[in-house]
Amino acid sequence: MAEKDGAAAEGSAKKFDASKIMLPLFVITNLAVLGAGSFMTYKATLGWVRPTVREPAAIEQLRAERETEGVRDSVLYTMPTFTVNLDGQPRRLIRVSLTLAMLDKDGFEEVVRNSPAARDSIVRILNSKTYDDIEMIQGKLFLKDQIAVTLNRSLKDGVVKDVYFGDFLVQ
């Protein structure tokens, strides 16, 4: 009997224990992944250089154009606040304050003259939107672009460079 117990003890000692190998293997794998990620980050940020214009002739031409024509400052026109119903269920209201950046004074005067038509087109755009359309930042940026394109189509001489939201409240 004593011989059987001794043989059983020797058999259990010869068994393969995977937990002793898995821990060092896990540590080595994690260190390798961490090292590779650190190396890739280092290589991506170390050699980064701000892009520059390489053609001196293009820079000189741009400077000459700015000196002769002058740099045109955009003219800002703040429209009265819009309070409009949004499309979809449940019914929601949107309250928006817009500022239009016009290319020059001629465009500013044209927008002021055609303010009712511009307001009407903006109200139609806002009425067609649902909450899901404008909930994310991409929706707001798309709305700005849509307003600028619509207003530029209706203007003859003026150009809307950008649309700025002062207030943007959805209830």
N, C-alpha and C. Protein backbone atom coordinates (compact mmCIF):
# COMPACT_ATOMS: atom_id res chain seq x y z
N MET A 1 0.79 -1.18 0.00
CA MET A 1 0.00 0.00 0.00
C MET A 1 0.83 1.25 0.00
N ALA A 2 1.88 1.17 0.73
CA ALA A 2 2.77 2.32 0.80
C ALA A 2 3.36 2.59 -0.57
N GLU A 3 3.55 1.51 -1.33
CA GLU A 3 4.10 1.70 -2.67
C GLU A 3 3.11 2.40 -3.58
N LYS A 4 1.82 2.11 -3.42
CA LYS A 4 0.80 2.76 -4.25
C LYS A 4 0.72 4.24 -3.94
N ASP A 5 0.82 4.60 -2.66
CA ASP A 5 0.76 6.02 -2.28
C ASP A 5 1.97 6.77 -2.83
N GLY A 6 3.11 6.15 -2.80
CA GLY A 6 4.32 6.79 -3.32
C GLY A 6 4.24 6.96 -4.83
N ALA A 7 3.68 6.00 -5.54
CA ALA A 7 3.52 6.09 -7.00
C ALA A 7 2.51 7.15 -7.36
N ALA A 8 1.45 7.31 -6.59
CA ALA A 8 0.43 8.32 -6.84
C ALA A 8 1.01 9.71 -6.62
N ALA A 9 1.87 9.84 -5.61
CA ALA A 9 2.50 11.13 -5.33
C ALA A 9 3.45 11.51 -6.46
N GLU A 10 4.18 10.53 -7.00
CA GLU A 10 5.08 10.81 -8.11
C GLU A 10 4.30 11.16 -9.38
N GLY A 11 3.15 10.56 -9.63
CA GLY A 11 2.32 10.83 -10.82
C GLY A 11 1.74 12.23 -10.77
N SER A 12 1.34 12.69 -9.60
CA SER A 12 0.77 14.03 -9.51
C SER A 12 1.85 15.09 -9.65
N ALA A 13 3.06 14.79 -9.28
CA ALA A 13 4.16 15.74 -9.40
C ALA A 13 4.57 15.90 -10.86
N LYS A 14 4.36 14.92 -11.65
CA LYS A 14 4.73 14.96 -13.06
C LYS A 14 3.68 15.66 -13.93
N LYS A 15 2.52 15.98 -13.38
CA LYS A 15 1.47 16.64 -14.15
C LYS A 15 1.95 18.02 -14.59
N PHE A 16 1.49 18.43 -15.75
CA PHE A 16 1.84 19.74 -16.33
C PHE A 16 0.95 20.82 -15.71
N ASP A 17 1.54 21.88 -15.13
CA ASP A 17 0.78 22.96 -14.51
C ASP A 17 0.84 24.18 -15.44
N ALA A 18 -0.28 24.46 -16.16
CA ALA A 18 -0.33 25.54 -17.16
C ALA A 18 -0.33 26.92 -16.52
N SER A 19 -0.79 27.03 -15.28
CA SER A 19 -0.85 28.35 -14.64
C SER A 19 0.53 28.93 -14.40
N LYS A 20 1.54 28.08 -14.23
CA LYS A 20 2.90 28.57 -14.02
C LYS A 20 3.47 29.18 -15.30
N ILE A 21 3.03 28.75 -16.45
CA ILE A 21 3.54 29.26 -17.72
C ILE A 21 2.68 30.43 -18.21
N MET A 22 1.40 30.42 -17.93
CA MET A 22 0.47 31.44 -18.45
C MET A 22 0.77 32.82 -17.88
N LEU A 23 1.10 32.94 -16.61
CA LEU A 23 1.36 34.25 -16.01
C LEU A 23 2.58 34.92 -16.65
N PRO A 24 3.73 34.26 -16.75
CA PRO A 24 4.86 34.93 -17.43
C PRO A 24 4.57 35.21 -18.91
N LEU A 25 3.85 34.32 -19.58
CA LEU A 25 3.50 34.54 -20.97
C LEU A 25 2.59 35.75 -21.12
N PHE A 26 1.66 35.92 -20.21
CA PHE A 26 0.76 37.08 -20.20
C PHE A 26 1.54 38.37 -19.97
N VAL A 27 2.47 38.35 -19.03
CA VAL A 27 3.28 39.53 -18.73
C VAL A 27 4.15 39.91 -19.93
N ILE A 28 4.76 38.95 -20.56
CA ILE A 28 5.63 39.21 -21.72
C ILE A 28 4.82 39.76 -22.89
N THR A 29 3.63 39.21 -23.13
CA THR A 29 2.76 39.68 -24.21
C THR A 29 2.33 41.12 -23.96
N ASN A 30 1.92 41.43 -22.74
CA ASN A 30 1.52 42.80 -22.42
C ASN A 30 2.66 43.79 -22.58
N LEU A 31 3.86 43.42 -22.15
CA LEU A 31 5.02 44.30 -22.31
C LEU A 31 5.35 44.51 -23.79
N ALA A 32 5.21 43.47 -24.60
CA ALA A 32 5.49 43.61 -26.03
C ALA A 32 4.49 44.54 -26.70
N VAL A 33 3.21 44.41 -26.37
CA VAL A 33 2.18 45.28 -26.95
C VAL A 33 2.37 46.72 -26.48
N LEU A 34 2.67 46.91 -25.21
CA LEU A 34 2.92 48.25 -24.68
C LEU A 34 4.14 48.88 -25.34
N GLY A 35 5.17 48.11 -25.52
CA GLY A 35 6.38 48.63 -26.18
C GLY A 35 6.12 48.99 -27.63
N ALA A 36 5.36 48.17 -28.35
CA ALA A 36 5.06 48.47 -29.76
C ALA A 36 4.20 49.72 -29.87
N GLY A 37 3.22 49.87 -28.99
CA GLY A 37 2.37 51.07 -29.01
C GLY A 37 3.17 52.32 -28.68
N SER A 38 4.05 52.22 -27.70
CA SER A 38 4.89 53.36 -27.34
C SER A 38 5.82 53.74 -28.49
N PHE A 39 6.39 52.75 -29.15
CA PHE A 39 7.28 53.02 -30.28
C PHE A 39 6.53 53.69 -31.43
N MET A 40 5.33 53.22 -31.73
CA MET A 40 4.55 53.82 -32.82
C MET A 40 4.16 55.25 -32.48
N THR A 41 3.80 55.52 -31.24
CA THR A 41 3.47 56.88 -30.83
C THR A 41 4.70 57.78 -30.92
N TYR A 42 5.83 57.29 -30.49
CA TYR A 42 7.07 58.05 -30.56
C TYR A 42 7.43 58.39 -32.00
N LYS A 43 7.33 57.43 -32.89
CA LYS A 43 7.68 57.66 -34.30
C LYS A 43 6.70 58.63 -34.96
N ALA A 44 5.43 58.58 -34.56
CA ALA A 44 4.42 59.45 -35.17
C ALA A 44 4.56 60.89 -34.72
N THR A 45 5.00 61.12 -33.49
CA THR A 45 5.06 62.48 -32.98
C THR A 45 6.45 63.10 -33.08
N LEU A 46 7.49 62.31 -33.14
CA LEU A 46 8.84 62.84 -33.15
C LEU A 46 9.16 63.56 -34.44
N GLY A 47 8.80 62.98 -35.57
CA GLY A 47 9.17 63.55 -36.85
C GLY A 47 8.14 64.49 -37.45
N TRP A 48 7.11 64.89 -36.69
CA TRP A 48 6.06 65.74 -37.24
C TRP A 48 6.56 67.16 -37.42
N VAL A 49 6.35 67.69 -38.60
CA VAL A 49 6.74 69.06 -38.92
C VAL A 49 5.52 69.76 -39.51
N ARG A 50 5.29 71.01 -39.09
CA ARG A 50 4.16 71.77 -39.62
C ARG A 50 4.34 71.95 -41.12
N PRO A 51 3.29 71.69 -41.91
CA PRO A 51 3.40 71.85 -43.36
C PRO A 51 3.61 73.33 -43.72
N THR A 52 4.43 73.56 -44.70
CA THR A 52 4.72 74.92 -45.14
C THR A 52 4.58 75.01 -46.65
N VAL A 53 4.41 76.22 -47.13
CA VAL A 53 4.37 76.44 -48.57
C VAL A 53 5.80 76.42 -49.06
N ARG A 54 6.06 75.61 -50.03
CA ARG A 54 7.44 75.44 -50.49
C ARG A 54 7.78 76.31 -51.69
N GLU A 55 6.78 76.94 -52.25
CA GLU A 55 7.05 77.75 -53.42
C GLU A 55 7.11 79.22 -53.02
N PRO A 56 8.28 79.81 -53.00
CA PRO A 56 8.40 81.22 -52.62
C PRO A 56 7.64 82.13 -53.58
N ALA A 57 7.52 81.73 -54.82
CA ALA A 57 6.80 82.55 -55.80
C ALA A 57 5.32 82.67 -55.41
N ALA A 58 4.74 81.58 -54.92
CA ALA A 58 3.33 81.61 -54.51
C ALA A 58 3.14 82.52 -53.30
N ILE A 59 4.09 82.51 -52.38
CA ILE A 59 4.00 83.38 -51.21
C ILE A 59 4.09 84.84 -51.62
N GLU A 60 5.02 85.14 -52.52
CA GLU A 60 5.17 86.52 -53.00
C GLU A 60 3.93 86.99 -53.75
N GLN A 61 3.33 86.12 -54.55
CA GLN A 61 2.13 86.47 -55.29
C GLN A 61 0.98 86.75 -54.33
N LEU A 62 0.84 85.95 -53.29
CA LEU A 62 -0.20 86.17 -52.30
C LEU A 62 0.00 87.50 -51.58
N ARG A 63 1.23 87.82 -51.23
CA ARG A 63 1.51 89.11 -50.57
C ARG A 63 1.19 90.27 -51.50
N ALA A 64 1.54 90.14 -52.77
CA ALA A 64 1.27 91.22 -53.73
C ALA A 64 -0.24 91.42 -53.91
N GLU A 65 -1.00 90.34 -53.98
CA GLU A 65 -2.45 90.45 -54.12
C GLU A 65 -3.07 91.11 -52.90
N ARG A 66 -2.58 90.78 -51.73
CA ARG A 66 -3.12 91.39 -50.51
C ARG A 66 -2.79 92.89 -50.44
N GLU A 67 -1.62 93.27 -50.94
CA GLU A 67 -1.24 94.68 -50.91
C GLU A 67 -2.06 95.50 -51.89
N THR A 68 -2.30 94.97 -53.10
CA THR A 68 -3.02 95.73 -54.11
C THR A 68 -4.52 95.76 -53.84
N GLU A 69 -5.10 94.61 -53.50
CA GLU A 69 -6.54 94.53 -53.29
C GLU A 69 -6.92 94.82 -51.84
N GLY A 70 -6.03 94.60 -50.95
CA GLY A 70 -6.35 94.74 -49.54
C GLY A 70 -7.10 93.52 -49.05
N VAL A 71 -7.02 93.26 -47.80
CA VAL A 71 -7.73 92.13 -47.22
C VAL A 71 -9.13 92.59 -46.84
N ARG A 72 -10.11 91.93 -47.43
CA ARG A 72 -11.49 92.32 -47.16
C ARG A 72 -11.95 91.67 -45.86
N ASP A 73 -12.42 92.51 -44.96
CA ASP A 73 -12.97 92.00 -43.72
C ASP A 73 -14.43 91.64 -43.94
N SER A 74 -14.83 90.55 -43.34
CA SER A 74 -16.23 90.16 -43.47
C SER A 74 -17.09 91.07 -42.59
N VAL A 75 -18.34 91.24 -43.01
CA VAL A 75 -19.30 92.06 -42.28
C VAL A 75 -20.29 91.11 -41.62
N LEU A 76 -20.52 91.32 -40.32
CA LEU A 76 -21.42 90.45 -39.57
C LEU A 76 -22.81 91.06 -39.47
N TYR A 77 -23.83 90.24 -39.67
CA TYR A 77 -25.22 90.66 -39.55
C TYR A 77 -25.92 89.69 -38.61
N THR A 78 -26.36 90.19 -37.48
CA THR A 78 -27.07 89.36 -36.51
C THR A 78 -28.56 89.46 -36.76
N MET A 79 -29.15 88.33 -37.03
CA MET A 79 -30.58 88.28 -37.29
C MET A 79 -31.33 88.15 -35.97
N PRO A 80 -32.58 88.62 -35.95
CA PRO A 80 -33.38 88.43 -34.72
C PRO A 80 -33.55 86.94 -34.43
N THR A 81 -33.81 86.62 -33.18
CA THR A 81 -33.92 85.23 -32.73
C THR A 81 -35.09 84.52 -33.40
N PHE A 82 -34.86 83.27 -33.77
CA PHE A 82 -35.89 82.42 -34.37
C PHE A 82 -36.43 81.48 -33.29
N THR A 83 -37.74 81.35 -33.19
CA THR A 83 -38.38 80.34 -32.37
C THR A 83 -39.33 79.58 -33.28
N VAL A 84 -39.00 78.32 -33.53
CA VAL A 84 -39.67 77.55 -34.59
C VAL A 84 -39.98 76.15 -34.06
N ASN A 85 -41.08 75.56 -34.56
CA ASN A 85 -41.40 74.16 -34.27
C ASN A 85 -40.53 73.26 -35.12
N LEU A 86 -40.05 72.19 -34.50
CA LEU A 86 -39.32 71.17 -35.24
C LEU A 86 -40.30 70.13 -35.77
N ASP A 87 -39.88 69.43 -36.81
CA ASP A 87 -40.69 68.37 -37.38
C ASP A 87 -40.55 67.12 -36.50
N GLY A 88 -41.51 66.23 -36.57
CA GLY A 88 -41.43 64.95 -35.87
C GLY A 88 -42.19 64.94 -34.57
N GLN A 89 -42.22 63.75 -33.98
CA GLN A 89 -42.92 63.54 -32.70
C GLN A 89 -41.89 63.18 -31.66
N PRO A 90 -41.96 63.60 -30.45
CA PRO A 90 -42.87 64.59 -29.90
C PRO A 90 -42.54 65.98 -30.42
N ARG A 91 -43.51 66.86 -30.35
CA ARG A 91 -43.32 68.22 -30.84
C ARG A 91 -42.29 68.92 -29.98
N ARG A 92 -41.32 69.55 -30.64
CA ARG A 92 -40.27 70.28 -29.95
C ARG A 92 -40.12 71.66 -30.58
N LEU A 93 -39.60 72.58 -29.79
CA LEU A 93 -39.32 73.93 -30.26
C LEU A 93 -37.81 74.13 -30.32
N ILE A 94 -37.39 74.93 -31.28
CA ILE A 94 -35.99 75.31 -31.37
C ILE A 94 -35.91 76.83 -31.32
N ARG A 95 -34.96 77.32 -30.57
CA ARG A 95 -34.72 78.76 -30.47
C ARG A 95 -33.29 79.00 -30.88
N VAL A 96 -33.11 79.76 -31.98
CA VAL A 96 -31.79 79.95 -32.57
C VAL A 96 -31.54 81.42 -32.80
N SER A 97 -30.36 81.86 -32.46
CA SER A 97 -29.90 83.20 -32.79
C SER A 97 -28.76 83.06 -33.79
N LEU A 98 -28.92 83.67 -34.97
CA LEU A 98 -27.95 83.52 -36.05
C LEU A 98 -27.19 84.80 -36.31
N THR A 99 -25.93 84.66 -36.64
CA THR A 99 -25.12 85.76 -37.14
C THR A 99 -24.53 85.32 -38.46
N LEU A 100 -24.74 86.12 -39.49
CA LEU A 100 -24.23 85.80 -40.82
C LEU A 100 -22.96 86.58 -41.07
N ALA A 101 -21.93 85.92 -41.52
CA ALA A 101 -20.69 86.58 -41.92
C ALA A 101 -20.75 86.79 -43.42
N MET A 102 -20.93 88.05 -43.82
CA MET A 102 -21.05 88.39 -45.24
C MET A 102 -19.67 88.75 -45.79
N LEU A 103 -19.46 88.52 -47.08
CA LEU A 103 -18.16 88.77 -47.70
C LEU A 103 -17.82 90.25 -47.73
N ASP A 104 -18.80 91.10 -48.02
CA ASP A 104 -18.53 92.54 -48.09
C ASP A 104 -19.78 93.32 -47.72
N LYS A 105 -19.67 94.66 -47.78
CA LYS A 105 -20.79 95.52 -47.38
C LYS A 105 -21.96 95.42 -48.35
N ASP A 106 -21.67 95.18 -49.64
CA ASP A 106 -22.77 95.04 -50.61
C ASP A 106 -23.67 93.86 -50.24
N GLY A 107 -23.06 92.76 -49.86
CA GLY A 107 -23.84 91.59 -49.45
C GLY A 107 -24.61 91.84 -48.18
N PHE A 108 -24.01 92.60 -47.26
CA PHE A 108 -24.69 92.96 -46.02
C PHE A 108 -25.94 93.76 -46.32
N GLU A 109 -25.82 94.75 -47.21
CA GLU A 109 -26.97 95.58 -47.55
C GLU A 109 -28.05 94.76 -48.24
N GLU A 110 -27.64 93.82 -49.07
CA GLU A 110 -28.62 92.98 -49.77
C GLU A 110 -29.37 92.08 -48.78
N VAL A 111 -28.67 91.54 -47.81
CA VAL A 111 -29.34 90.69 -46.82
C VAL A 111 -30.30 91.51 -45.97
N VAL A 112 -29.90 92.73 -45.62
CA VAL A 112 -30.79 93.58 -44.83
C VAL A 112 -32.04 93.93 -45.64
N ARG A 113 -31.86 94.23 -46.94
CA ARG A 113 -33.02 94.53 -47.80
C ARG A 113 -33.94 93.32 -47.93
N ASN A 114 -33.36 92.15 -48.07
CA ASN A 114 -34.13 90.92 -48.29
C ASN A 114 -34.31 90.12 -47.00
N SER A 115 -34.29 90.79 -45.87
CA SER A 115 -34.37 90.10 -44.59
C SER A 115 -35.62 89.24 -44.43
N PRO A 116 -36.80 89.69 -44.84
CA PRO A 116 -37.98 88.81 -44.71
C PRO A 116 -37.85 87.52 -45.52
N ALA A 117 -37.32 87.62 -46.73
CA ALA A 117 -37.15 86.41 -47.55
C ALA A 117 -36.11 85.48 -46.93
N ALA A 118 -35.04 86.06 -46.40
CA ALA A 118 -33.99 85.25 -45.76
C ALA A 118 -34.53 84.56 -44.52
N ARG A 119 -35.31 85.30 -43.71
CA ARG A 119 -35.91 84.71 -42.52
C ARG A 119 -36.86 83.58 -42.88
N ASP A 120 -37.64 83.79 -43.95
CA ASP A 120 -38.59 82.76 -44.38
C ASP A 120 -37.86 81.49 -44.80
N SER A 121 -36.78 81.62 -45.55
CA SER A 121 -36.06 80.42 -45.99
C SER A 121 -35.40 79.71 -44.81
N ILE A 122 -34.92 80.48 -43.83
CA ILE A 122 -34.32 79.85 -42.65
C ILE A 122 -35.39 79.15 -41.82
N VAL A 123 -36.57 79.75 -41.68
CA VAL A 123 -37.68 79.12 -40.94
C VAL A 123 -38.09 77.82 -41.63
N ARG A 124 -38.15 77.82 -42.95
CA ARG A 124 -38.51 76.58 -43.67
C ARG A 124 -37.47 75.49 -43.43
N ILE A 125 -36.20 75.87 -43.42
CA ILE A 125 -35.15 74.88 -43.16
C ILE A 125 -35.30 74.32 -41.75
N LEU A 126 -35.50 75.20 -40.77
CA LEU A 126 -35.63 74.75 -39.38
C LEU A 126 -36.88 73.90 -39.17
N ASN A 127 -37.98 74.24 -39.85
CA ASN A 127 -39.21 73.45 -39.73
C ASN A 127 -39.06 72.06 -40.29
N SER A 128 -38.18 71.87 -41.24
CA SER A 128 -38.02 70.56 -41.86
C SER A 128 -37.10 69.63 -41.06
N LYS A 129 -36.43 70.16 -40.05
CA LYS A 129 -35.50 69.36 -39.25
C LYS A 129 -36.21 68.67 -38.09
N THR A 130 -35.73 67.48 -37.74
CA THR A 130 -36.20 66.79 -36.55
C THR A 130 -35.14 66.92 -35.46
N TYR A 131 -35.51 66.53 -34.27
CA TYR A 131 -34.55 66.60 -33.15
C TYR A 131 -33.34 65.72 -33.43
N ASP A 132 -33.58 64.56 -34.02
CA ASP A 132 -32.47 63.65 -34.32
C ASP A 132 -31.50 64.24 -35.34
N ASP A 133 -32.02 65.09 -36.24
CA ASP A 133 -31.16 65.72 -37.26
C ASP A 133 -30.16 66.70 -36.65
N ILE A 134 -30.55 67.38 -35.59
CA ILE A 134 -29.70 68.44 -35.05
C ILE A 134 -29.15 68.14 -33.66
N GLU A 135 -29.36 66.92 -33.20
CA GLU A 135 -28.91 66.56 -31.86
C GLU A 135 -27.38 66.52 -31.77
N MET A 136 -26.73 65.97 -32.76
CA MET A 136 -25.27 65.82 -32.75
C MET A 136 -24.61 67.03 -33.39
N ILE A 137 -23.32 67.18 -33.16
CA ILE A 137 -22.57 68.32 -33.70
C ILE A 137 -22.54 68.27 -35.23
N GLN A 138 -22.52 67.08 -35.82
CA GLN A 138 -22.53 66.97 -37.27
C GLN A 138 -23.82 67.53 -37.84
N GLY A 139 -24.92 67.32 -37.16
CA GLY A 139 -26.20 67.86 -37.61
C GLY A 139 -26.21 69.38 -37.56
N LYS A 140 -25.61 69.95 -36.52
CA LYS A 140 -25.55 71.40 -36.43
C LYS A 140 -24.66 71.99 -37.52
N LEU A 141 -23.54 71.32 -37.80
CA LEU A 141 -22.66 71.79 -38.88
C LEU A 141 -23.35 71.68 -40.24
N PHE A 142 -24.10 70.60 -40.45
CA PHE A 142 -24.85 70.46 -41.69
C PHE A 142 -25.91 71.53 -41.81
N LEU A 143 -26.56 71.87 -40.69
CA LEU A 143 -27.57 72.93 -40.68
C LEU A 143 -26.94 74.27 -41.06
N LYS A 144 -25.77 74.57 -40.51
CA LYS A 144 -25.08 75.81 -40.86
C LYS A 144 -24.79 75.87 -42.36
N ASP A 145 -24.28 74.77 -42.89
CA ASP A 145 -23.97 74.73 -44.33
C ASP A 145 -25.24 74.87 -45.17
N GLN A 146 -26.31 74.23 -44.76
CA GLN A 146 -27.56 74.29 -45.50
C GLN A 146 -28.12 75.71 -45.51
N ILE A 147 -28.03 76.41 -44.39
CA ILE A 147 -28.50 77.80 -44.32
C ILE A 147 -27.65 78.68 -45.23
N ALA A 148 -26.32 78.52 -45.19
CA ALA A 148 -25.45 79.34 -46.02
C ALA A 148 -25.70 79.09 -47.50
N VAL A 149 -25.86 77.84 -47.90
CA VAL A 149 -26.10 77.53 -49.31
C VAL A 149 -27.43 78.09 -49.77
N THR A 150 -28.47 77.95 -48.95
CA THR A 150 -29.80 78.46 -49.31
C THR A 150 -29.78 79.97 -49.45
N LEU A 151 -29.14 80.66 -48.53
CA LEU A 151 -29.07 82.11 -48.62
C LEU A 151 -28.23 82.57 -49.80
N ASN A 152 -27.14 81.87 -50.09
CA ASN A 152 -26.31 82.24 -51.24
C ASN A 152 -27.06 82.05 -52.56
N ARG A 153 -27.96 81.09 -52.63
CA ARG A 153 -28.76 80.90 -53.84
C ARG A 153 -29.72 82.07 -54.06
N SER A 154 -30.24 82.62 -52.96
CA SER A 154 -31.23 83.69 -53.10
C SER A 154 -30.58 85.07 -53.26
N LEU A 155 -29.31 85.21 -52.91
CA LEU A 155 -28.65 86.51 -53.04
C LEU A 155 -28.06 86.67 -54.43
N LYS A 156 -28.09 87.90 -54.95
CA LYS A 156 -27.53 88.17 -56.28
C LYS A 156 -26.08 88.60 -56.18
N ASP A 157 -25.79 89.58 -55.32
CA ASP A 157 -24.43 90.12 -55.22
C ASP A 157 -23.70 89.65 -53.97
N GLY A 158 -24.42 89.40 -52.92
CA GLY A 158 -23.81 89.07 -51.65
C GLY A 158 -23.43 87.60 -51.54
N VAL A 159 -22.50 87.36 -50.64
CA VAL A 159 -22.06 85.99 -50.38
C VAL A 159 -21.99 85.79 -48.87
N VAL A 160 -22.64 84.74 -48.40
CA VAL A 160 -22.57 84.37 -46.99
C VAL A 160 -21.36 83.46 -46.82
N LYS A 161 -20.35 83.95 -46.08
CA LYS A 161 -19.16 83.14 -45.86
C LYS A 161 -19.38 82.08 -44.80
N ASP A 162 -20.05 82.49 -43.73
CA ASP A 162 -20.25 81.54 -42.63
C ASP A 162 -21.49 81.92 -41.84
N VAL A 163 -22.00 80.96 -41.11
CA VAL A 163 -23.16 81.17 -40.25
C VAL A 163 -22.71 80.80 -38.83
N TYR A 164 -22.98 81.70 -37.89
CA TYR A 164 -22.61 81.46 -36.50
C TYR A 164 -23.88 81.38 -35.66
N PHE A 165 -23.92 80.39 -34.75
CA PHE A 165 -25.04 80.26 -33.83
C PHE A 165 -24.70 80.99 -32.54
N GLY A 166 -25.54 81.94 -32.14
CA GLY A 166 -25.36 82.60 -30.86
C GLY A 166 -26.01 81.79 -29.76
N ASP A 167 -27.28 81.49 -29.92
CA ASP A 167 -28.03 80.64 -29.00
C ASP A 167 -28.56 79.47 -29.80
N PHE A 168 -28.58 78.31 -29.19
CA PHE A 168 -29.12 77.12 -29.83
C PHE A 168 -29.78 76.30 -28.75
N LEU A 169 -31.10 76.45 -28.64
CA LEU A 169 -31.86 75.80 -27.57
C LEU A 169 -32.98 74.99 -28.18
N VAL A 170 -33.05 73.72 -27.77
CA VAL A 170 -34.13 72.84 -28.21
C VAL A 170 -34.90 72.39 -26.98
N GLN A 171 -36.23 72.58 -27.01
CA GLN A 171 -37.08 72.18 -25.88
C GLN A 171 -38.08 71.14 -26.34
